[in-house]
Structure formats: C-alpha cells, structure tokens
C-alpha cells in the first residue's frame, strides 16, 4: 500500500503520471468488480470511475487504503447507475469493433478474467445483490468490513451478516455439485 500512498501524494500534487500508475495498479480490480456485478461494458465504466477520481483527487483526504475504498465507492455507485439506465432502455445497439490483433494482457488482467469466468459468475448469480456486492468488495477490492460498510452505506453488522449468508450459500451450492451451463444445478434450488 506504500506505493499507492506515494502515487496518491504525487497525483494530488498534479502528477498525471502518478494517476496513470494508480490506474495501472487499480483498474484491473475495479473492472473485475464491475464485471462480476453484471455491469454492461465494465471497461468503459471503469474509465468513468477513474475519470471521476481524477477530477476529485485534489479534494480527497486520506491515505492509499482510503483512496482504494473511495475508488470502489465510486465504482459501486457508477455500476448501480449504469445498470439502472440499461434496464430502462428499450433498444440495445452494438457496434462491431475491428480486431487490431492480439494483445498481451497483464497478469492482473489475466487473473481477473479467470475470476470472472462462467462458473464463478453463475455462482455469484445465485446470491442476492447485496451479498454479491459484499463478497466482491471484500475479495476483489480487498476492502475491510468497515470500508465495505461505508461503500454500501450499511452498518458493519449488516455487512458481516451478508458476508456470512453469502459464504454459506456458496458453500451449500458447491457441496451440491458442479455448476455447468447444461445443468444449472443447486443455484436454481437455492434461490
């Protein structure tokens, strides 16, 4: 976290290079959080999150750990907003983007892509919205109970309870058998 502290100080002083390094360090986790929450186009929303953070970093008061929590608070709110707007739309337009050839993803990006694969997403879909948010903020964002409670605007006790119920539900789902696209298995029964 010392690196984030130093980069945060430099970014507050106007060092664009430092904010770019914060992006490199934290964007994979923010994108993974948004992807696992079911946000359409998580890369685009992560860019919006960092743009908002960049605009407000001069007013931000705290250390690197606080910055990380603040960043995920922004991500949580942006994700909720995007999902609300997406559900209100009547028509979805997609663009075909030409492939510019192979790219070499970073190790963090590769790890988060594996995290957000089908089986994990199917398991997460079996949780309530609040349970999913708590687990993602605790595991992907690496936030404390207190920080998670602040992001979700809930008491710490409620976050502990949500985490316990989510883990219990995942444990039961995993002990009931494998999750596969052909056999939705326990998740359809657990709901």
C-alpha atoms as a PDB file:
ATOM      1  CA  UNK A   1       0.000   0.000   0.000  1.00  0.00           C
ATOM      2  CA  UNK A   2       3.059   2.258   0.375  1.00  0.00           C
ATOM      3  CA  UNK A   3       3.288   2.559  -3.415  1.00  0.00           C
ATOM      4  CA  UNK A   4      -0.336   3.677  -3.575  1.00  0.00           C
ATOM      5  CA  UNK A   5       0.343   6.241  -0.811  1.00  0.00           C
ATOM      6  CA  UNK A   6       3.292   7.703  -2.724  1.00  0.00           C
ATOM      7  CA  UNK A   7       1.420   7.696  -6.033  1.00  0.00           C
ATOM      8  CA  UNK A   8      -1.598   9.310  -4.382  1.00  0.00           C
ATOM      9  CA  UNK A   9       0.562  12.115  -2.963  1.00  0.00           C
ATOM     10  CA  UNK A  10       2.097  12.721  -6.397  1.00  0.00           C
ATOM     11  CA  UNK A  11      -1.331  12.649  -8.081  1.00  0.00           C
ATOM     12  CA  UNK A  12      -2.663  15.191  -5.571  1.00  0.00           C
ATOM     13  CA  UNK A  13       0.278  17.441  -6.472  1.00  0.00           C
ATOM     14  CA  UNK A  14      -0.793  17.316 -10.116  1.00  0.00           C
ATOM     15  CA  UNK A  15       1.370  14.462 -11.356  1.00  0.00           C
ATOM     16  CA  UNK A  16      -0.606  12.969 -14.218  1.00  0.00           C
ATOM     17  CA  UNK A  17       1.996  10.229 -14.478  1.00  0.00           C
ATOM     18  CA  UNK A  18       1.168   9.185 -10.904  1.00  0.00           C
ATOM     19  CA  UNK A  19      -2.532   8.938 -11.655  1.00  0.00           C
ATOM     20  CA  UNK A  20      -1.689   6.810 -14.703  1.00  0.00           C
ATOM     21  CA  UNK A  21       0.233   4.461 -12.398  1.00  0.00           C
ATOM     22  CA  UNK A  22      -2.727   4.368  -9.988  1.00  0.00           C
ATOM     23  CA  UNK A  23      -4.859   3.378 -12.981  1.00  0.00           C
ATOM     24  CA  UNK A  24      -2.431   0.571 -13.883  1.00  0.00           C
ATOM     25  CA  UNK A  25      -2.395  -0.702 -10.300  1.00  0.00           C
ATOM     26  CA  UNK A  26      -6.107  -0.500  -9.501  1.00  0.00           C
ATOM     27  CA  UNK A  27      -8.059  -0.642 -12.778  1.00  0.00           C
ATOM     28  CA  UNK A  28      -7.965  -4.467 -13.093  1.00  0.00           C
ATOM     29  CA  UNK A  29      -9.631  -4.870  -9.675  1.00  0.00           C
ATOM     30  CA  UNK A  30     -12.197  -2.137 -10.388  1.00  0.00           C
ATOM     31  CA  UNK A  31     -13.006  -3.679 -13.784  1.00  0.00           C
ATOM     32  CA  UNK A  32     -13.264  -7.156 -12.245  1.00  0.00           C
ATOM     33  CA  UNK A  33     -15.629  -5.844  -9.572  1.00  0.00           C
ATOM     34  CA  UNK A  34     -17.841  -4.168 -12.175  1.00  0.00           C
ATOM     35  CA  UNK A  35     -17.786  -7.239 -14.454  1.00  0.00           C
ATOM     36  CA  UNK A  36     -18.774  -9.560 -11.620  1.00  0.00           C
ATOM     37  CA  UNK A  37     -21.604  -7.189 -10.648  1.00  0.00           C
ATOM     38  CA  UNK A  38     -23.011  -7.636 -14.166  1.00  0.00           C
ATOM     39  CA  UNK A  39     -22.296  -4.102 -15.339  1.00  0.00           C
ATOM     40  CA  UNK A  40     -22.504  -3.831 -19.135  1.00  0.00           C
ATOM     41  CA  UNK A  41     -19.165  -2.730 -20.610  1.00  0.00           C
ATOM     42  CA  UNK A  42     -17.158  -2.793 -17.352  1.00  0.00           C
ATOM     43  CA  UNK A  43     -14.042  -1.392 -19.056  1.00  0.00           C
ATOM     44  CA  UNK A  44     -15.920   1.748 -20.081  1.00  0.00           C
ATOM     45  CA  UNK A  45     -17.447   2.192 -16.624  1.00  0.00           C
ATOM     46  CA  UNK A  46     -14.023   1.688 -15.007  1.00  0.00           C
ATOM     47  CA  UNK A  47     -12.755   4.535 -17.175  1.00  0.00           C
ATOM     48  CA  UNK A  48     -15.615   6.703 -15.881  1.00  0.00           C
ATOM     49  CA  UNK A  49     -14.700   5.739 -12.313  1.00  0.00           C
ATOM     50  CA  UNK A  50     -11.092   6.815 -12.777  1.00  0.00           C
ATOM     51  CA  UNK A  51     -12.111   9.994 -14.550  1.00  0.00           C
ATOM     52  CA  UNK A  52     -14.315  10.919 -11.574  1.00  0.00           C
ATOM     53  CA  UNK A  53     -11.489  10.047  -9.185  1.00  0.00           C
ATOM     54  CA  UNK A  54      -9.002  12.083 -11.231  1.00  0.00           C
ATOM     55  CA  UNK A  55     -11.307  15.088 -11.086  1.00  0.00           C
ATOM     56  CA  UNK A  56     -11.735  14.755  -7.317  1.00  0.00           C
ATOM     57  CA  UNK A  57      -8.288  13.600  -6.206  1.00  0.00           C
ATOM     58  CA  UNK A  58      -7.264  17.131  -5.188  1.00  0.00           C
ATOM     59  CA  UNK A  59     -10.150  17.258  -2.709  1.00  0.00           C
ATOM     60  CA  UNK A  60      -9.633  13.691  -1.487  1.00  0.00           C
ATOM     61  CA  UNK A  61      -8.379  13.390   2.089  1.00  0.00           C
ATOM     62  CA  UNK A  62      -6.854  10.099   3.193  1.00  0.00           C
ATOM     63  CA  UNK A  63      -4.144   7.543   2.549  1.00  0.00           C
ATOM     64  CA  UNK A  64      -3.793   4.838  -0.104  1.00  0.00           C
ATOM     65  CA  UNK A  65      -6.130   2.434   1.695  1.00  0.00           C
ATOM     66  CA  UNK A  66      -8.766   5.184   1.967  1.00  0.00           C
ATOM     67  CA  UNK A  67      -8.275   6.009  -1.721  1.00  0.00           C
ATOM     68  CA  UNK A  68      -8.897   2.402  -2.673  1.00  0.00           C
ATOM     69  CA  UNK A  69     -12.132   2.377  -0.641  1.00  0.00           C
ATOM     70  CA  UNK A  70     -13.180   5.714  -2.177  1.00  0.00           C
ATOM     71  CA  UNK A  71     -12.458   4.380  -5.662  1.00  0.00           C
ATOM     72  CA  UNK A  72     -14.659   1.334  -5.071  1.00  0.00           C
ATOM     73  CA  UNK A  73     -17.380   3.571  -3.651  1.00  0.00           C
ATOM     74  CA  UNK A  74     -17.347   5.487  -6.938  1.00  0.00           C
ATOM     75  CA  UNK A  75     -17.326   2.182  -8.855  1.00  0.00           C
ATOM     76  CA  UNK A  76     -20.264   0.871  -6.860  1.00  0.00           C
ATOM     77  CA  UNK A  77     -22.345   3.996  -7.490  1.00  0.00           C
ATOM     78  CA  UNK A  78     -21.432   4.168 -11.188  1.00  0.00           C
ATOM     79  CA  UNK A  79     -22.272   0.485 -11.571  1.00  0.00           C
ATOM     80  CA  UNK A  80     -25.681   0.964  -9.965  1.00  0.00           C
ATOM     81  CA  UNK A  81     -26.361   3.980 -12.207  1.00  0.00           C
ATOM     82  CA  UNK A  82     -25.336   2.144 -15.382  1.00  0.00           C
ATOM     83  CA  UNK A  83     -27.434  -0.905 -14.543  1.00  0.00           C
ATOM     84  CA  UNK A  84     -30.451   1.308 -13.848  1.00  0.00           C
ATOM     85  CA  UNK A  85     -30.025   3.132 -17.150  1.00  0.00           C
ATOM     86  CA  UNK A  86     -29.525  -0.141 -19.012  1.00  0.00           C
ATOM     87  CA  UNK A  87     -32.719  -1.613 -17.601  1.00  0.00           C
ATOM     88  CA  UNK A  88     -34.664   1.487 -18.681  1.00  0.00           C
ATOM     89  CA  UNK A  89     -33.540   1.262 -22.318  1.00  0.00           C
ATOM     90  CA  UNK A  90     -35.778  -0.243 -24.945  1.00  0.00           C
ATOM     91  CA  UNK A  91     -33.189  -0.927 -27.615  1.00  0.00           C
ATOM     92  CA  UNK A  92     -29.594  -2.032 -27.316  1.00  0.00           C
ATOM     93  CA  UNK A  93     -27.261  -1.011 -30.122  1.00  0.00           C
ATOM     94  CA  UNK A  94     -23.976  -2.824 -30.508  1.00  0.00           C
ATOM     95  CA  UNK A  95     -21.054  -1.815 -32.644  1.00  0.00           C
ATOM     96  CA  UNK A  96     -18.688  -4.135 -34.410  1.00  0.00           C
ATOM     97  CA  UNK A  97     -15.168  -3.178 -33.447  1.00  0.00           C
ATOM     98  CA  UNK A  98     -12.422  -4.462 -35.699  1.00  0.00           C
ATOM     99  CA  UNK A  99      -9.829  -6.664 -34.070  1.00  0.00           C
ATOM    100  CA  UNK A 100      -6.488  -4.895 -34.038  1.00  0.00           C
ATOM    101  CA  UNK A 101      -4.695  -8.167 -33.499  1.00  0.00           C
ATOM    102  CA  UNK A 102      -3.535  -9.954 -30.387  1.00  0.00           C
ATOM    103  CA  UNK A 103      -2.733  -8.013 -27.252  1.00  0.00           C
ATOM    104  CA  UNK A 104      -0.707  -9.265 -24.333  1.00  0.00           C
ATOM    105  CA  UNK A 105      -2.822  -8.806 -21.185  1.00  0.00           C
ATOM    106  CA  UNK A 106      -1.190  -8.008 -17.873  1.00  0.00           C
ATOM    107  CA  UNK A 107      -1.005 -10.715 -15.220  1.00  0.00           C
ATOM    108  CA  UNK A 108      -3.628  -8.880 -13.150  1.00  0.00           C
ATOM    109  CA  UNK A 109      -5.982  -8.649 -16.129  1.00  0.00           C
ATOM    110  CA  UNK A 110      -5.495 -12.330 -16.887  1.00  0.00           C
ATOM    111  CA  UNK A 111      -6.186 -13.294 -13.252  1.00  0.00           C
ATOM    112  CA  UNK A 112      -9.334 -11.160 -13.104  1.00  0.00           C
ATOM    113  CA  UNK A 113     -10.549 -12.614 -16.397  1.00  0.00           C
ATOM    114  CA  UNK A 114     -10.197 -16.075 -14.900  1.00  0.00           C
ATOM    115  CA  UNK A 115     -12.025 -14.878 -11.791  1.00  0.00           C
ATOM    116  CA  UNK A 116     -14.911 -13.647 -13.913  1.00  0.00           C
ATOM    117  CA  UNK A 117     -15.382 -16.871 -15.855  1.00  0.00           C
ATOM    118  CA  UNK A 118     -18.657 -18.676 -16.281  1.00  0.00           C
ATOM    119  CA  UNK A 119     -18.664 -20.909 -13.199  1.00  0.00           C
ATOM    120  CA  UNK A 120     -17.824 -18.096 -10.803  1.00  0.00           C
ATOM    121  CA  UNK A 121     -20.365 -15.773 -12.388  1.00  0.00           C
ATOM    122  CA  UNK A 122     -23.037 -18.469 -12.222  1.00  0.00           C
ATOM    123  CA  UNK A 123     -22.296 -18.991  -8.538  1.00  0.00           C
ATOM    124  CA  UNK A 124     -22.419 -15.248  -7.890  1.00  0.00           C
ATOM    125  CA  UNK A 125     -25.761 -15.016  -9.704  1.00  0.00           C
ATOM    126  CA  UNK A 126     -27.206 -17.258  -7.005  1.00  0.00           C
ATOM    127  CA  UNK A 127     -26.542 -14.587  -4.390  1.00  0.00           C
ATOM    128  CA  UNK A 128     -28.641 -11.562  -3.619  1.00  0.00           C
ATOM    129  CA  UNK A 129     -27.435  -8.225  -4.993  1.00  0.00           C
ATOM    130  CA  UNK A 130     -26.211  -7.163  -1.529  1.00  0.00           C
ATOM    131  CA  UNK A 131     -24.465 -10.484  -0.842  1.00  0.00           C
ATOM    132  CA  UNK A 132     -22.684 -10.309  -4.192  1.00  0.00           C
ATOM    133  CA  UNK A 133     -21.604  -6.706  -3.571  1.00  0.00           C
ATOM    134  CA  UNK A 134     -20.214  -7.569  -0.129  1.00  0.00           C
ATOM    135  CA  UNK A 135     -18.199 -10.540  -1.393  1.00  0.00           C
ATOM    136  CA  UNK A 136     -16.819  -8.642  -4.364  1.00  0.00           C
ATOM    137  CA  UNK A 137     -15.817  -5.643  -2.262  1.00  0.00           C
ATOM    138  CA  UNK A 138     -14.211  -7.876   0.361  1.00  0.00           C
ATOM    139  CA  UNK A 139     -12.436 -10.245  -2.054  1.00  0.00           C
ATOM    140  CA  UNK A 140     -11.828  -8.375  -5.320  1.00  0.00           C
ATOM    141  CA  UNK A 141     -11.467  -4.878  -3.870  1.00  0.00           C
ATOM    142  CA  UNK A 142      -9.758  -6.175  -0.697  1.00  0.00           C
ATOM    143  CA  UNK A 143     -11.755  -3.782   1.486  1.00  0.00           C
ATOM    144  CA  UNK A 144     -12.221  -4.207   5.222  1.00  0.00           C
ATOM    145  CA  UNK A 145     -15.635  -4.768   6.786  1.00  0.00           C
ATOM    146  CA  UNK A 146     -15.763  -1.118   7.771  1.00  0.00           C
ATOM    147  CA  UNK A 147     -14.767   0.113   4.309  1.00  0.00           C
ATOM    148  CA  UNK A 148     -17.296  -2.224   2.681  1.00  0.00           C
ATOM    149  CA  UNK A 149     -19.988  -0.922   5.031  1.00  0.00           C
ATOM    150  CA  UNK A 150     -19.103   2.641   4.024  1.00  0.00           C
ATOM    151  CA  UNK A 151     -19.239   1.841   0.296  1.00  0.00           C
ATOM    152  CA  UNK A 152     -22.644   0.179   0.630  1.00  0.00           C
ATOM    153  CA  UNK A 153     -23.925   2.651   3.228  1.00  0.00           C
ATOM    154  CA  UNK A 154     -24.805  -0.192   5.614  1.00  0.00           C
ATOM    155  CA  UNK A 155     -23.912  -0.943   9.239  1.00  0.00           C
ATOM    156  CA  UNK A 156     -20.858  -3.175   9.785  1.00  0.00           C
ATOM    157  CA  UNK A 157     -23.080  -5.800  11.425  1.00  0.00           C
ATOM    158  CA  UNK A 158     -25.248  -5.982   8.309  1.00  0.00           C
ATOM    159  CA  UNK A 159     -22.158  -6.430   6.128  1.00  0.00           C
ATOM    160  CA  UNK A 160     -20.906  -9.251   8.389  1.00  0.00           C
ATOM    161  CA  UNK A 161     -24.289 -10.935   8.177  1.00  0.00           C
ATOM    162  CA  UNK A 162     -24.467 -10.552   4.389  1.00  0.00           C
ATOM    163  CA  UNK A 163     -20.963 -11.973   4.041  1.00  0.00           C
ATOM    164  CA  UNK A 164     -21.773 -14.924   6.296  1.00  0.00           C
ATOM    165  CA  UNK A 165     -25.003 -15.724   4.424  1.00  0.00           C
ATOM    166  CA  UNK A 166     -23.268 -15.365   1.046  1.00  0.00           C
ATOM    167  CA  UNK A 167     -20.434 -17.706   2.005  1.00  0.00           C
ATOM    168  CA  UNK A 168     -22.906 -20.169   3.495  1.00  0.00           C
ATOM    169  CA  UNK A 169     -24.961 -20.114   0.293  1.00  0.00           C
ATOM    170  CA  UNK A 170     -21.824 -20.604  -1.843  1.00  0.00           C
ATOM    171  CA  UNK A 171     -20.678 -23.472   0.389  1.00  0.00           C
ATOM    172  CA  UNK A 172     -24.044 -25.206   0.005  1.00  0.00           C
ATOM    173  CA  UNK A 173     -24.026 -24.633  -3.748  1.00  0.00           C
ATOM    174  CA  UNK A 174     -20.532 -26.024  -4.155  1.00  0.00           C
ATOM    175  CA  UNK A 175     -21.221 -29.084  -2.000  1.00  0.00           C
ATOM    176  CA  UNK A 176     -24.345 -29.862  -4.069  1.00  0.00           C
ATOM    177  CA  UNK A 177     -22.276 -30.493  -7.192  1.00  0.00           C
ATOM    178  CA  UNK A 178     -20.618 -28.809 -10.149  1.00  0.00           C
ATOM    179  CA  UNK A 179     -22.093 -25.800 -11.881  1.00  0.00           C
ATOM    180  CA  UNK A 180     -22.339 -26.145 -15.639  1.00  0.00           C
ATOM    181  CA  UNK A 181     -24.263 -24.396 -18.417  1.00  0.00           C
ATOM    182  CA  UNK A 182     -26.167 -27.609 -19.176  1.00  0.00           C
ATOM    183  CA  UNK A 183     -27.067 -28.275 -15.527  1.00  0.00           C
ATOM    184  CA  UNK A 184     -27.685 -25.119 -13.522  1.00  0.00           C
ATOM    185  CA  UNK A 185     -27.699 -27.420 -10.512  1.00  0.00           C
ATOM    186  CA  UNK A 186     -28.030 -26.138  -6.998  1.00  0.00           C
ATOM    187  CA  UNK A 187     -28.253 -22.440  -7.775  1.00  0.00           C
ATOM    188  CA  UNK A 188     -31.749 -22.811  -9.160  1.00  0.00           C
ATOM    189  CA  UNK A 189     -32.830 -24.589  -5.991  1.00  0.00           C
ATOM    190  CA  UNK A 190     -31.049 -22.289  -3.522  1.00  0.00           C
ATOM    191  CA  UNK A 191     -32.808 -19.107  -4.607  1.00  0.00           C
END
